[in-house]
Amino acid sequence: MSNKVAIWIAVLALLAIAVDNFYYGGSGIFFLMRKFIDLIDYFQFWR
């Protein structure tokens, strides 16, 4: 992955977080963080 692609992905991710925070009060990113933690717990069970 080139630096240009990495910068665009980072910009898009930050823009998505900003839009979620502005329009929905950050509930979408909070939901995704909770699901990611559940996924980590699931993988930890299979370790």
PDB file of N, CA and C in Angstrom:
ATOM      1  N   MET A   1       0.853  -1.162   0.000  1.00  0.00           N
ATOM      2  CA  MET A   1       0.000   0.000   0.000  1.00  0.00           C
ATOM      3  C   MET A   1       0.907   1.236   0.000  1.00  0.00           C
ATOM      4  N   SER A   2       0.620   2.140  -0.893  1.00  0.00           N
ATOM      5  CA  SER A   2       1.430   3.357  -0.963  1.00  0.00           C
ATOM      6  C   SER A   2       0.957   4.360   0.095  1.00  0.00           C
ATOM      7  N   ASN A   3       1.771   5.348   0.321  1.00  0.00           N
ATOM      8  CA  ASN A   3       1.424   6.378   1.310  1.00  0.00           C
ATOM      9  C   ASN A   3       0.184   7.148   0.901  1.00  0.00           C
ATOM     10  N   LYS A   4       0.012   7.352  -0.388  1.00  0.00           N
ATOM     11  CA  LYS A   4      -1.152   8.092  -0.887  1.00  0.00           C
ATOM     12  C   LYS A   4      -2.453   7.356  -0.559  1.00  0.00           C
ATOM     13  N   VAL A   5      -2.455   6.055  -0.760  1.00  0.00           N
ATOM     14  CA  VAL A   5      -3.643   5.249  -0.460  1.00  0.00           C
ATOM     15  C   VAL A   5      -3.901   5.222   1.045  1.00  0.00           C
ATOM     16  N   ALA A   6      -2.847   5.095   1.843  1.00  0.00           N
ATOM     17  CA  ALA A   6      -2.996   5.068   3.295  1.00  0.00           C
ATOM     18  C   ALA A   6      -3.555   6.386   3.816  1.00  0.00           C
ATOM     19  N   ILE A   7      -3.112   7.491   3.242  1.00  0.00           N
ATOM     20  CA  ILE A   7      -3.624   8.804   3.662  1.00  0.00           C
ATOM     21  C   ILE A   7      -5.092   8.940   3.298  1.00  0.00           C
ATOM     22  N   TRP A   8      -5.488   8.495   2.109  1.00  0.00           N
ATOM     23  CA  TRP A   8      -6.898   8.581   1.711  1.00  0.00           C
ATOM     24  C   TRP A   8      -7.783   7.714   2.603  1.00  0.00           C
ATOM     25  N   ILE A   9      -7.321   6.534   2.964  1.00  0.00           N
ATOM     26  CA  ILE A   9      -8.103   5.672   3.862  1.00  0.00           C
ATOM     27  C   ILE A   9      -8.254   6.325   5.232  1.00  0.00           C
ATOM     28  N   ALA A  10      -7.182   6.925   5.742  1.00  0.00           N
ATOM     29  CA  ALA A  10      -7.241   7.603   7.040  1.00  0.00           C
ATOM     30  C   ALA A  10      -8.182   8.802   6.984  1.00  0.00           C
ATOM     31  N   VAL A  11      -8.129   9.571   5.904  1.00  0.00           N
ATOM     32  CA  VAL A  11      -9.012  10.734   5.757  1.00  0.00           C
ATOM     33  C   VAL A  11     -10.471  10.290   5.695  1.00  0.00           C
ATOM     34  N   LEU A  12     -10.755   9.242   4.939  1.00  0.00           N
ATOM     35  CA  LEU A  12     -12.134   8.753   4.835  1.00  0.00           C
ATOM     36  C   LEU A  12     -12.640   8.217   6.172  1.00  0.00           C
ATOM     37  N   ALA A  13     -11.774   7.536   6.922  1.00  0.00           N
ATOM     38  CA  ALA A  13     -12.181   7.021   8.229  1.00  0.00           C
ATOM     39  C   ALA A  13     -12.475   8.170   9.192  1.00  0.00           C
ATOM     40  N   LEU A  14     -11.610   9.179   9.211  1.00  0.00           N
ATOM     41  CA  LEU A  14     -11.846  10.333  10.084  1.00  0.00           C
ATOM     42  C   LEU A  14     -13.087  11.107   9.671  1.00  0.00           C
ATOM     43  N   LEU A  15     -13.325  11.213   8.377  1.00  0.00           N
ATOM     44  CA  LEU A  15     -14.533  11.887   7.893  1.00  0.00           C
ATOM     45  C   LEU A  15     -15.786  11.114   8.306  1.00  0.00           C
ATOM     46  N   ALA A  16     -15.742   9.788   8.227  1.00  0.00           N
ATOM     47  CA  ALA A  16     -16.880   8.969   8.633  1.00  0.00           C
ATOM     48  C   ALA A  16     -17.152   9.126  10.130  1.00  0.00           C
ATOM     49  N   ILE A  17     -16.101   9.169  10.930  1.00  0.00           N
ATOM     50  CA  ILE A  17     -16.268   9.357  12.370  1.00  0.00           C
ATOM     51  C   ILE A  17     -16.846  10.733  12.666  1.00  0.00           C
ATOM     52  N   ALA A  18     -16.361  11.758  11.949  1.00  0.00           N
ATOM     53  CA  ALA A  18     -16.860  13.114  12.164  1.00  0.00           C
ATOM     54  C   ALA A  18     -18.331  13.231  11.778  1.00  0.00           C
ATOM     55  N   VAL A  19     -18.718  12.634  10.666  1.00  0.00           N
ATOM     56  CA  VAL A  19     -20.125  12.684  10.237  1.00  0.00           C
ATOM     57  C   VAL A  19     -21.006  11.949  11.233  1.00  0.00           C
ATOM     58  N   ASP A  20     -20.553  10.796  11.699  1.00  0.00           N
ATOM     59  CA  ASP A  20     -21.318  10.038  12.689  1.00  0.00           C
ATOM     60  C   ASP A  20     -21.482  10.852  13.970  1.00  0.00           C
ATOM     61  N   ASN A  21     -20.422  11.485  14.394  1.00  0.00           N
ATOM     62  CA  ASN A  21     -20.481  12.279  15.616  1.00  0.00           C
ATOM     63  C   ASN A  21     -21.408  13.482  15.446  1.00  0.00           C
ATOM     64  N   PHE A  22     -21.381  14.123  14.284  1.00  0.00           N
ATOM     65  CA  PHE A  22     -22.194  15.317  14.050  1.00  0.00           C
ATOM     66  C   PHE A  22     -23.677  14.977  13.906  1.00  0.00           C
ATOM     67  N   TYR A  23     -23.990  13.956  13.110  1.00  0.00           N
ATOM     68  CA  TYR A  23     -25.395  13.643  12.830  1.00  0.00           C
ATOM     69  C   TYR A  23     -26.038  12.718  13.864  1.00  0.00           C
ATOM     70  N   TYR A  24     -25.275  11.781  14.406  1.00  0.00           N
ATOM     71  CA  TYR A  24     -25.863  10.763  15.275  1.00  0.00           C
ATOM     72  C   TYR A  24     -25.314  10.775  16.694  1.00  0.00           C
ATOM     73  N   GLY A  25     -24.490  11.737  17.014  1.00  0.00           N
ATOM     74  CA  GLY A  25     -23.963  11.842  18.365  1.00  0.00           C
ATOM     75  C   GLY A  25     -22.943  10.773  18.710  1.00  0.00           C
ATOM     76  N   GLY A  26     -22.341  10.154  17.716  1.00  0.00           N
ATOM     77  CA  GLY A  26     -21.312   9.150  17.956  1.00  0.00           C
ATOM     78  C   GLY A  26     -21.842   7.772  18.270  1.00  0.00           C
ATOM     79  N   SER A  27     -23.131   7.548  18.105  1.00  0.00           N
ATOM     80  CA  SER A  27     -23.695   6.244  18.463  1.00  0.00           C
ATOM     81  C   SER A  27     -23.244   5.134  17.513  1.00  0.00           C
ATOM     82  N   GLY A  28     -22.992   5.458  16.259  1.00  0.00           N
ATOM     83  CA  GLY A  28     -22.560   4.442  15.302  1.00  0.00           C
ATOM     84  C   GLY A  28     -21.172   3.917  15.609  1.00  0.00           C
ATOM     85  N   ILE A  29     -20.248   4.807  15.912  1.00  0.00           N
ATOM     86  CA  ILE A  29     -18.884   4.370  16.220  1.00  0.00           C
ATOM     87  C   ILE A  29     -18.861   3.632  17.555  1.00  0.00           C
ATOM     88  N   PHE A  30     -19.714   4.044  18.493  1.00  0.00           N
ATOM     89  CA  PHE A  30     -19.806   3.337  19.773  1.00  0.00           C
ATOM     90  C   PHE A  30     -20.316   1.924  19.563  1.00  0.00           C
ATOM     91  N   PHE A  31     -21.312   1.764  18.688  1.00  0.00           N
ATOM     92  CA  PHE A  31     -21.844   0.442  18.359  1.00  0.00           C
ATOM     93  C   PHE A  31     -20.763  -0.434  17.733  1.00  0.00           C
ATOM     94  N   LEU A  32     -20.005   0.126  16.794  1.00  0.00           N
ATOM     95  CA  LEU A  32     -18.950  -0.653  16.151  1.00  0.00           C
ATOM     96  C   LEU A  32     -17.851  -1.033  17.129  1.00  0.00           C
ATOM     97  N   MET A  33     -17.517  -0.157  18.061  1.00  0.00           N
ATOM     98  CA  MET A  33     -16.507  -0.494  19.065  1.00  0.00           C
ATOM     99  C   MET A  33     -16.987  -1.624  19.962  1.00  0.00           C
ATOM    100  N   ARG A  34     -18.266  -1.591  20.364  1.00  0.00           N
ATOM    101  CA  ARG A  34     -18.801  -2.680  21.195  1.00  0.00           C
ATOM    102  C   ARG A  34     -18.772  -4.006  20.450  1.00  0.00           C
ATOM    103  N   LYS A  35     -19.144  -3.995  19.171  1.00  0.00           N
ATOM    104  CA  LYS A  35     -19.132  -5.230  18.381  1.00  0.00           C
ATOM    105  C   LYS A  35     -17.710  -5.739  18.172  1.00  0.00           C
ATOM    106  N   PHE A  36     -16.748  -4.830  18.010  1.00  0.00           N
ATOM    107  CA  PHE A  36     -15.358  -5.230  17.855  1.00  0.00           C
ATOM    108  C   PHE A  36     -14.841  -5.878  19.135  1.00  0.00           C
ATOM    109  N   ILE A  37     -15.228  -5.347  20.284  1.00  0.00           N
ATOM    110  CA  ILE A  37     -14.825  -5.936  21.566  1.00  0.00           C
ATOM    111  C   ILE A  37     -15.452  -7.326  21.721  1.00  0.00           C
ATOM    112  N   ASP A  38     -16.715  -7.473  21.296  1.00  0.00           N
ATOM    113  CA  ASP A  38     -17.342  -8.800  21.318  1.00  0.00           C
ATOM    114  C   ASP A  38     -16.595  -9.778  20.418  1.00  0.00           C
ATOM    115  N   LEU A  39     -16.146  -9.313  19.256  1.00  0.00           N
ATOM    116  CA  LEU A  39     -15.396 -10.163  18.346  1.00  0.00           C
ATOM    117  C   LEU A  39     -14.070 -10.588  18.964  1.00  0.00           C
ATOM    118  N   ILE A  40     -13.390  -9.666  19.628  1.00  0.00           N
ATOM    119  CA  ILE A  40     -12.139 -10.002  20.299  1.00  0.00           C
ATOM    120  C   ILE A  40     -12.383 -11.031  21.397  1.00  0.00           C
ATOM    121  N   ASP A  41     -13.450 -10.859  22.169  1.00  0.00           N
ATOM    122  CA  ASP A  41     -13.781 -11.837  23.206  1.00  0.00           C
ATOM    123  C   ASP A  41     -14.084 -13.204  22.607  1.00  0.00           C
ATOM    124  N   TYR A  42     -14.755 -13.229  21.462  1.00  0.00           N
ATOM    125  CA  TYR A  42     -15.067 -14.493  20.787  1.00  0.00           C
ATOM    126  C   TYR A  42     -13.781 -15.193  20.359  1.00  0.00           C
ATOM    127  N   PHE A  43     -12.856 -14.451  19.765  1.00  0.00           N
ATOM    128  CA  PHE A  43     -11.588 -15.052  19.349  1.00  0.00           C
ATOM    129  C   PHE A  43     -10.749 -15.470  20.547  1.00  0.00           C
ATOM    130  N   GLN A  44     -10.851 -14.752  21.635  1.00  0.00           N
ATOM    131  CA  GLN A  44     -10.093 -15.102  22.829  1.00  0.00           C
ATOM    132  C   GLN A  44     -10.606 -16.426  23.397  1.00  0.00           C
ATOM    133  N   PHE A  45     -11.914 -16.671  23.260  1.00  0.00           N
ATOM    134  CA  PHE A  45     -12.484 -17.936  23.712  1.00  0.00           C
ATOM    135  C   PHE A  45     -11.877 -19.106  22.948  1.00  0.00           C
ATOM    136  N   TRP A  46     -11.613 -18.951  21.663  1.00  0.00           N
ATOM    137  CA  TRP A  46     -11.084 -20.030  20.850  1.00  0.00           C
ATOM    138  C   TRP A  46      -9.579 -20.159  20.931  1.00  0.00           C
ATOM    139  N   ARG A  47      -8.933 -19.312  21.670  1.00  0.00           N
ATOM    140  CA  ARG A  47      -7.475 -19.389  21.793  1.00  0.00           C
ATOM    141  C   ARG A  47      -7.038 -20.540  22.598  1.00  0.00           C
TER     142      ARG A  47
END
